[in-house]
Amino acid sequence: MTITVLYFASFQETAGMDSETMERPASLTALYENLKKKYQFKFQLAHIRVAVDGVFVSWQHEVNDGSEVAFIPPVSGG
């Protein structure tokens, strides 16, 4: 069972790709923590948003097989 992780903004730059396919995680928190270690992402959970299948969700949201998960870092503009 797999999911697709989508990377945007600084996550895309740090990971060096815009998406990747991986095994479905036990939780969104576990997924982010594993990716944070793998790519040295600098943001803590409290500072980013997570979306599943195009909808912002809580960190407790269940991820289904085939879902798209996106982590949205904080952005600033002017």
PDB file of N, CA and C in Angstrom:
ATOM      1  N   MET A   1       0.847  -1.176   0.000  1.00  0.00           N
ATOM      2  CA  MET A   1       0.000   0.000   0.000  1.00  0.00           C
ATOM      3  C   MET A   1       0.893   1.239   0.000  1.00  0.00           C
ATOM      4  N   THR A   2       0.638   2.130  -0.931  1.00  0.00           N
ATOM      5  CA  THR A   2       1.496   3.300  -1.075  1.00  0.00           C
ATOM      6  C   THR A   2       0.700   4.597  -1.081  1.00  0.00           C
ATOM      7  N   ILE A   3       1.427   5.682  -0.841  1.00  0.00           N
ATOM      8  CA  ILE A   3       0.891   7.033  -0.931  1.00  0.00           C
ATOM      9  C   ILE A   3       1.866   7.857  -1.764  1.00  0.00           C
ATOM     10  N   THR A   4       1.431   9.034  -2.155  1.00  0.00           N
ATOM     11  CA  THR A   4       2.305   9.980  -2.831  1.00  0.00           C
ATOM     12  C   THR A   4       2.462  11.192  -1.930  1.00  0.00           C
ATOM     13  N   VAL A   5       3.704  11.579  -1.686  1.00  0.00           N
ATOM     14  CA  VAL A   5       3.987  12.775  -0.896  1.00  0.00           C
ATOM     15  C   VAL A   5       4.353  13.886  -1.865  1.00  0.00           C
ATOM     16  N   LEU A   6       3.670  15.020  -1.731  1.00  0.00           N
ATOM     17  CA  LEU A   6       3.919  16.188  -2.574  1.00  0.00           C
ATOM     18  C   LEU A   6       4.710  17.212  -1.775  1.00  0.00           C
ATOM     19  N   TYR A   7       5.729  17.787  -2.399  1.00  0.00           N
ATOM     20  CA  TYR A   7       6.564  18.785  -1.737  1.00  0.00           C
ATOM     21  C   TYR A   7       6.383  20.142  -2.401  1.00  0.00           C
ATOM     22  N   PHE A   8       6.258  21.184  -1.579  1.00  0.00           N
ATOM     23  CA  PHE A   8       6.099  22.542  -2.071  1.00  0.00           C
ATOM     24  C   PHE A   8       7.116  23.456  -1.393  1.00  0.00           C
ATOM     25  N   ALA A   9       7.424  24.565  -2.066  1.00  0.00           N
ATOM     26  CA  ALA A   9       8.269  25.635  -1.529  1.00  0.00           C
ATOM     27  C   ALA A   9       9.584  25.072  -0.982  1.00  0.00           C
ATOM     28  N   SER A  10       9.913  25.423   0.259  1.00  0.00           N
ATOM     29  CA  SER A  10      11.204  25.008   0.809  1.00  0.00           C
ATOM     30  C   SER A  10      11.322  23.493   0.962  1.00  0.00           C
ATOM     31  N   PHE A  11      10.216  22.789   1.142  1.00  0.00           N
ATOM     32  CA  PHE A  11      10.288  21.329   1.208  1.00  0.00           C
ATOM     33  C   PHE A  11      10.750  20.757  -0.131  1.00  0.00           C
ATOM     34  N   GLN A  12      10.242  21.307  -1.214  1.00  0.00           N
ATOM     35  CA  GLN A  12      10.643  20.865  -2.550  1.00  0.00           C
ATOM     36  C   GLN A  12      12.129  21.137  -2.775  1.00  0.00           C
ATOM     37  N   GLU A  13      12.584  22.307  -2.390  1.00  0.00           N
ATOM     38  CA  GLU A  13      13.995  22.656  -2.546  1.00  0.00           C
ATOM     39  C   GLU A  13      14.890  21.730  -1.738  1.00  0.00           C
ATOM     40  N   THR A  14      14.519  21.466  -0.492  1.00  0.00           N
ATOM     41  CA  THR A  14      15.332  20.639   0.389  1.00  0.00           C
ATOM     42  C   THR A  14      15.336  19.174  -0.054  1.00  0.00           C
ATOM     43  N   ALA A  15      14.171  18.643  -0.433  1.00  0.00           N
ATOM     44  CA  ALA A  15      14.078  17.243  -0.855  1.00  0.00           C
ATOM     45  C   ALA A  15      14.657  17.032  -2.254  1.00  0.00           C
ATOM     46  N   GLY A  16      14.690  18.105  -3.056  1.00  0.00           N
ATOM     47  CA  GLY A  16      15.215  17.996  -4.411  1.00  0.00           C
ATOM     48  C   GLY A  16      14.256  17.352  -5.391  1.00  0.00           C
ATOM     49  N   MET A  17      12.982  17.345  -5.049  1.00  0.00           N
ATOM     50  CA  MET A  17      11.952  16.764  -5.923  1.00  0.00           C
ATOM     51  C   MET A  17      10.608  17.350  -5.548  1.00  0.00           C
ATOM     52  N   ASP A  18       9.644  17.182  -6.447  1.00  0.00           N
ATOM     53  CA  ASP A  18       8.317  17.707  -6.124  1.00  0.00           C
ATOM     54  C   ASP A  18       7.363  16.651  -5.593  1.00  0.00           C
ATOM     55  N   SER A  19       7.732  15.368  -5.716  1.00  0.00           N
ATOM     56  CA  SER A  19       6.893  14.303  -5.154  1.00  0.00           C
ATOM     57  C   SER A  19       7.669  12.999  -5.087  1.00  0.00           C
ATOM     58  N   GLU A  20       7.164  12.092  -4.291  1.00  0.00           N
ATOM     59  CA  GLU A  20       7.712  10.742  -4.250  1.00  0.00           C
ATOM     60  C   GLU A  20       6.642   9.789  -3.747  1.00  0.00           C
ATOM     61  N   THR A  21       6.767   8.545  -4.133  1.00  0.00           N
ATOM     62  CA  THR A  21       5.844   7.498  -3.700  1.00  0.00           C
ATOM     63  C   THR A  21       6.523   6.691  -2.606  1.00  0.00           C
ATOM     64  N   MET A  22       5.762   6.378  -1.569  1.00  0.00           N
ATOM     65  CA  MET A  22       6.316   5.598  -0.466  1.00  0.00           C
ATOM     66  C   MET A  22       5.232   4.760   0.193  1.00  0.00           C
ATOM     67  N   GLU A  23       5.671   3.900   1.090  1.00  0.00           N
ATOM     68  CA  GLU A  23       4.728   3.052   1.820  1.00  0.00           C
ATOM     69  C   GLU A  23       3.812   3.909   2.682  1.00  0.00           C
ATOM     70  N   ARG A  24       2.559   3.479   2.806  1.00  0.00           N
ATOM     71  CA  ARG A  24       1.596   4.200   3.647  1.00  0.00           C
ATOM     72  C   ARG A  24       2.092   4.186   5.088  1.00  0.00           C
ATOM     73  N   PRO A  25       2.139   5.358   5.729  1.00  0.00           N
ATOM     74  CA  PRO A  25       2.672   5.443   7.092  1.00  0.00           C
ATOM     75  C   PRO A  25       1.638   5.055   8.146  1.00  0.00           C
ATOM     76  N   ALA A  26       2.128   4.835   9.350  1.00  0.00           N
ATOM     77  CA  ALA A  26       1.233   4.558  10.474  1.00  0.00           C
ATOM     78  C   ALA A  26       0.425   5.798  10.835  1.00  0.00           C
ATOM     79  N   SER A  27       1.041   6.976  10.630  1.00  0.00           N
ATOM     80  CA  SER A  27       0.357   8.238  10.927  1.00  0.00           C
ATOM     81  C   SER A  27       1.028   9.361  10.152  1.00  0.00           C
ATOM     82  N   LEU A  28       0.333  10.484  10.045  1.00  0.00           N
ATOM     83  CA  LEU A  28       0.917  11.650   9.390  1.00  0.00           C
ATOM     84  C   LEU A  28       2.104  12.190  10.185  1.00  0.00           C
ATOM     85  N   THR A  29       1.990  12.147  11.505  1.00  0.00           N
ATOM     86  CA  THR A  29       3.089  12.596  12.346  1.00  0.00           C
ATOM     87  C   THR A  29       4.329  11.750  12.111  1.00  0.00           C
ATOM     88  N   ALA A  30       4.165  10.440  12.081  1.00  0.00           N
ATOM     89  CA  ALA A  30       5.303   9.540  11.835  1.00  0.00           C
ATOM     90  C   ALA A  30       5.898   9.787  10.459  1.00  0.00           C
ATOM     91  N   LEU A  31       5.050  10.014   9.472  1.00  0.00           N
ATOM     92  CA  LEU A  31       5.533  10.287   8.119  1.00  0.00           C
ATOM     93  C   LEU A  31       6.385  11.543   8.110  1.00  0.00           C
ATOM     94  N   TYR A  32       5.880  12.629   8.692  1.00  0.00           N
ATOM     95  CA  TYR A  32       6.644  13.873   8.675  1.00  0.00           C
ATOM     96  C   TYR A  32       7.951  13.724   9.448  1.00  0.00           C
ATOM     97  N   GLU A  33       7.922  13.093  10.594  1.00  0.00           N
ATOM     98  CA  GLU A  33       9.143  12.932  11.391  1.00  0.00           C
ATOM     99  C   GLU A  33      10.192  12.120  10.625  1.00  0.00           C
ATOM    100  N   ASN A  34       9.768  11.087   9.902  1.00  0.00           N
ATOM    101  CA  ASN A  34      10.705  10.302   9.092  1.00  0.00           C
ATOM    102  C   ASN A  34      11.288  11.134   7.954  1.00  0.00           C
ATOM    103  N   LEU A  35      10.446  11.907   7.292  1.00  0.00           N
ATOM    104  CA  LEU A  35      10.929  12.759   6.201  1.00  0.00           C
ATOM    105  C   LEU A  35      11.820  13.881   6.728  1.00  0.00           C
ATOM    106  N   LYS A  36      11.497  14.382   7.902  1.00  0.00           N
ATOM    107  CA  LYS A  36      12.312  15.435   8.518  1.00  0.00           C
ATOM    108  C   LYS A  36      13.734  14.923   8.755  1.00  0.00           C
ATOM    109  N   LYS A  37      13.847  13.703   9.241  1.00  0.00           N
ATOM    110  CA  LYS A  37      15.168  13.105   9.456  1.00  0.00           C
ATOM    111  C   LYS A  37      15.875  12.854   8.123  1.00  0.00           C
ATOM    112  N   LYS A  38      15.146  12.321   7.173  1.00  0.00           N
ATOM    113  CA  LYS A  38      15.722  11.958   5.875  1.00  0.00           C
ATOM    114  C   LYS A  38      16.259  13.170   5.119  1.00  0.00           C
ATOM    115  N   TYR A  39      15.479  14.270   5.111  1.00  0.00           N
ATOM    116  CA  TYR A  39      15.837  15.440   4.311  1.00  0.00           C
ATOM    117  C   TYR A  39      16.306  16.640   5.135  1.00  0.00           C
ATOM    118  N   GLN A  40      16.335  16.490   6.442  1.00  0.00           N
ATOM    119  CA  GLN A  40      16.741  17.581   7.329  1.00  0.00           C
ATOM    120  C   GLN A  40      15.806  18.789   7.222  1.00  0.00           C
ATOM    121  N   PHE A  41      14.491  18.522   7.124  1.00  0.00           N
ATOM    122  CA  PHE A  41      13.524  19.613   7.144  1.00  0.00           C
ATOM    123  C   PHE A  41      13.655  20.357   8.468  1.00  0.00           C
ATOM    124  N   LYS A  42      13.551  21.681   8.426  1.00  0.00           N
ATOM    125  CA  LYS A  42      13.797  22.478   9.622  1.00  0.00           C
ATOM    126  C   LYS A  42      12.560  22.818  10.430  1.00  0.00           C
ATOM    127  N   PHE A  43      11.376  22.632   9.879  1.00  0.00           N
ATOM    128  CA  PHE A  43      10.163  23.053  10.569  1.00  0.00           C
ATOM    129  C   PHE A  43       9.633  21.988  11.518  1.00  0.00           C
ATOM    130  N   GLN A  44       9.083  22.466  12.646  1.00  0.00           N
ATOM    131  CA  GLN A  44       8.413  21.593  13.598  1.00  0.00           C
ATOM    132  C   GLN A  44       6.954  21.424  13.157  1.00  0.00           C
ATOM    133  N   LEU A  45       6.305  20.387  13.643  1.00  0.00           N
ATOM    134  CA  LEU A  45       4.907  20.108  13.275  1.00  0.00           C
ATOM    135  C   LEU A  45       3.997  21.313  13.484  1.00  0.00           C
ATOM    136  N   ALA A  46       4.189  22.031  14.566  1.00  0.00           N
ATOM    137  CA  ALA A  46       3.310  23.152  14.895  1.00  0.00           C
ATOM    138  C   ALA A  46       3.382  24.286  13.876  1.00  0.00           C
ATOM    139  N   HIS A  47       4.411  24.291  13.026  1.00  0.00           N
ATOM    140  CA  HIS A  47       4.603  25.393  12.089  1.00  0.00           C
ATOM    141  C   HIS A  47       4.207  25.077  10.653  1.00  0.00           C
ATOM    142  N   ILE A  48       3.731  23.881  10.412  1.00  0.00           N
ATOM    143  CA  ILE A  48       3.353  23.522   9.046  1.00  0.00           C
ATOM    144  C   ILE A  48       1.920  23.014   9.004  1.00  0.00           C
ATOM    145  N   ARG A  49       1.365  23.004   7.799  1.00  0.00           N
ATOM    146  CA  ARG A  49       0.025  22.460   7.567  1.00  0.00           C
ATOM    147  C   ARG A  49       0.167  21.167   6.783  1.00  0.00           C
ATOM    148  N   VAL A  50      -0.795  20.301   6.934  1.00  0.00           N
ATOM    149  CA  VAL A  50      -0.799  19.046   6.193  1.00  0.00           C
ATOM    150  C   VAL A  50      -2.131  18.913   5.464  1.00  0.00           C
ATOM    151  N   ALA A  51      -2.052  18.439   4.232  1.00  0.00           N
ATOM    152  CA  ALA A  51      -3.257  18.203   3.433  1.00  0.00           C
ATOM    153  C   ALA A  51      -3.233  16.763   2.926  1.00  0.00           C
ATOM    154  N   VAL A  52      -4.394  16.162   2.884  1.00  0.00           N
ATOM    155  CA  VAL A  52      -4.548  14.815   2.332  1.00  0.00           C
ATOM    156  C   VAL A  52      -5.605  14.902   1.243  1.00  0.00           C
ATOM    157  N   ASP A  53      -5.217  14.465   0.070  1.00  0.00           N
ATOM    158  CA  ASP A  53      -6.107  14.481  -1.087  1.00  0.00           C
ATOM    159  C   ASP A  53      -6.714  15.868  -1.328  1.00  0.00           C
ATOM    160  N   GLY A  54      -5.872  16.894  -1.172  1.00  0.00           N
ATOM    161  CA  GLY A  54      -6.274  18.257  -1.488  1.00  0.00           C
ATOM    162  C   GLY A  54      -7.050  19.000  -0.430  1.00  0.00           C
ATOM    163  N   VAL A  55      -7.181  18.419   0.766  1.00  0.00           N
ATOM    164  CA  VAL A  55      -7.944  19.043   1.840  1.00  0.00           C
ATOM    165  C   VAL A  55      -7.059  19.147   3.080  1.00  0.00           C
ATOM    166  N   PHE A  56      -6.992  20.345   3.691  1.00  0.00           N
ATOM    167  CA  PHE A  56      -6.254  20.478   4.935  1.00  0.00           C
ATOM    168  C   PHE A  56      -6.913  19.622   6.008  1.00  0.00           C
ATOM    169  N   VAL A  57      -6.081  18.877   6.749  1.00  0.00           N
ATOM    170  CA  VAL A  57      -6.576  17.954   7.769  1.00  0.00           C
ATOM    171  C   VAL A  57      -5.758  18.120   9.048  1.00  0.00           C
ATOM    172  N   SER A  58      -6.224  17.487  10.115  1.00  0.00           N
ATOM    173  CA  SER A  58      -5.468  17.474  11.372  1.00  0.00           C
ATOM    174  C   SER A  58      -4.383  16.402  11.276  1.00  0.00           C
ATOM    175  N   TRP A  59      -3.430  16.477  12.173  1.00  0.00           N
ATOM    176  CA  TRP A  59      -2.338  15.495  12.187  1.00  0.00           C
ATOM    177  C   TRP A  59      -2.834  14.100  12.566  1.00  0.00           C
ATOM    178  N   GLN A  60      -4.037  13.989  13.104  1.00  0.00           N
ATOM    179  CA  GLN A  60      -4.593  12.693  13.485  1.00  0.00           C
ATOM    180  C   GLN A  60      -5.367  12.026  12.352  1.00  0.00           C
ATOM    181  N   HIS A  61      -5.496  12.707  11.224  1.00  0.00           N
ATOM    182  CA  HIS A  61      -6.246  12.191  10.081  1.00  0.00           C
ATOM    183  C   HIS A  61      -5.620  10.883   9.585  1.00  0.00           C
ATOM    184  N   GLU A  62      -6.456   9.920   9.256  1.00  0.00           N
ATOM    185  CA  GLU A  62      -5.976   8.635   8.739  1.00  0.00           C
ATOM    186  C   GLU A  62      -5.631   8.758   7.260  1.00  0.00           C
ATOM    187  N   VAL A  63      -4.544   8.127   6.868  1.00  0.00           N
ATOM    188  CA  VAL A  63      -4.105   8.146   5.477  1.00  0.00           C
ATOM    189  C   VAL A  63      -4.470   6.816   4.833  1.00  0.00           C
ATOM    190  N   ASN A  64      -5.163   6.886   3.711  1.00  0.00           N
ATOM    191  CA  ASN A  64      -5.579   5.687   3.002  1.00  0.00           C
ATOM    192  C   ASN A  64      -4.605   5.337   1.880  1.00  0.00           C
ATOM    193  N   ASP A  65      -4.641   4.111   1.456  1.00  0.00           N
ATOM    194  CA  ASP A  65      -3.830   3.678   0.329  1.00  0.00           C
ATOM    195  C   ASP A  65      -4.170   4.531  -0.885  1.00  0.00           C
ATOM    196  N   GLY A  66      -3.146   5.021  -1.563  1.00  0.00           N
ATOM    197  CA  GLY A  66      -3.341   5.823  -2.761  1.00  0.00           C
ATOM    198  C   GLY A  66      -3.510   7.311  -2.515  1.00  0.00           C
ATOM    199  N   SER A  67      -3.540   7.728  -1.254  1.00  0.00           N
ATOM    200  CA  SER A  67      -3.719   9.152  -0.942  1.00  0.00           C
ATOM    201  C   SER A  67      -2.507   9.977  -1.363  1.00  0.00           C
ATOM    202  N   GLU A  68      -2.766  11.276  -1.580  1.00  0.00           N
ATOM    203  CA  GLU A  68      -1.708  12.254  -1.788  1.00  0.00           C
ATOM    204  C   GLU A  68      -1.605  13.088  -0.519  1.00  0.00           C
ATOM    205  N   VAL A  69      -0.395  13.176   0.019  1.00  0.00           N
ATOM    206  CA  VAL A  69      -0.136  13.941   1.233  1.00  0.00           C
ATOM    207  C   VAL A  69       0.765  15.100   0.884  1.00  0.00           C
ATOM    208  N   ALA A  70       0.406  16.296   1.334  1.00  0.00           N
ATOM    209  CA  ALA A  70       1.231  17.479   1.070  1.00  0.00           C
ATOM    210  C   ALA A  70       1.517  18.185   2.394  1.00  0.00           C
ATOM    211  N   PHE A  71       2.771  18.525   2.597  1.00  0.00           N
ATOM    212  CA  PHE A  71       3.180  19.317   3.737  1.00  0.00           C
ATOM    213  C   PHE A  71       3.409  20.739   3.253  1.00  0.00           C
ATOM    214  N   ILE A  72       2.773  21.709   3.890  1.00  0.00           N
ATOM    215  CA  ILE A  72       2.837  23.094   3.470  1.00  0.00           C
ATOM    216  C   ILE A  72       3.633  23.884   4.510  1.00  0.00           C
ATOM    217  N   PRO A  73       4.825  24.358   4.132  1.00  0.00           N
ATOM    218  CA  PRO A  73       5.623  25.120   5.098  1.00  0.00           C
ATOM    219  C   PRO A  73       5.064  26.528   5.254  1.00  0.00           C
ATOM    220  N   PRO A  74       5.472  27.194   6.328  1.00  0.00           N
ATOM    221  CA  PRO A  74       5.047  28.583   6.477  1.00  0.00           C
ATOM    222  C   PRO A  74       5.667  29.416   5.358  1.00  0.00           C
ATOM    223  N   VAL A  75       4.904  30.353   4.851  1.00  0.00           N
ATOM    224  CA  VAL A  75       5.405  31.228   3.798  1.00  0.00           C
ATOM    225  C   VAL A  75       5.160  32.669   4.203  1.00  0.00           C
ATOM    226  N   SER A  76       5.976  33.540   3.702  1.00  0.00           N
ATOM    227  CA  SER A  76       5.752  34.957   3.955  1.00  0.00           C
ATOM    228  C   SER A  76       5.744  35.677   2.621  1.00  0.00           C
ATOM    229  N   GLY A  77       5.078  36.744   2.608  1.00  0.00           N
ATOM    230  CA  GLY A  77       4.997  37.509   1.368  1.00  0.00           C
ATOM    231  C   GLY A  77       4.978  38.993   1.670  1.00  0.00           C
ATOM    232  N   GLY A  78       4.952  39.749   0.627  1.00  0.00           N
ATOM    233  CA  GLY A  78       4.965  41.184   0.858  1.00  0.00           C
ATOM    234  C   GLY A  78       3.997  41.904  -0.014  1.00  0.00           C
TER     235      GLY A  78
END
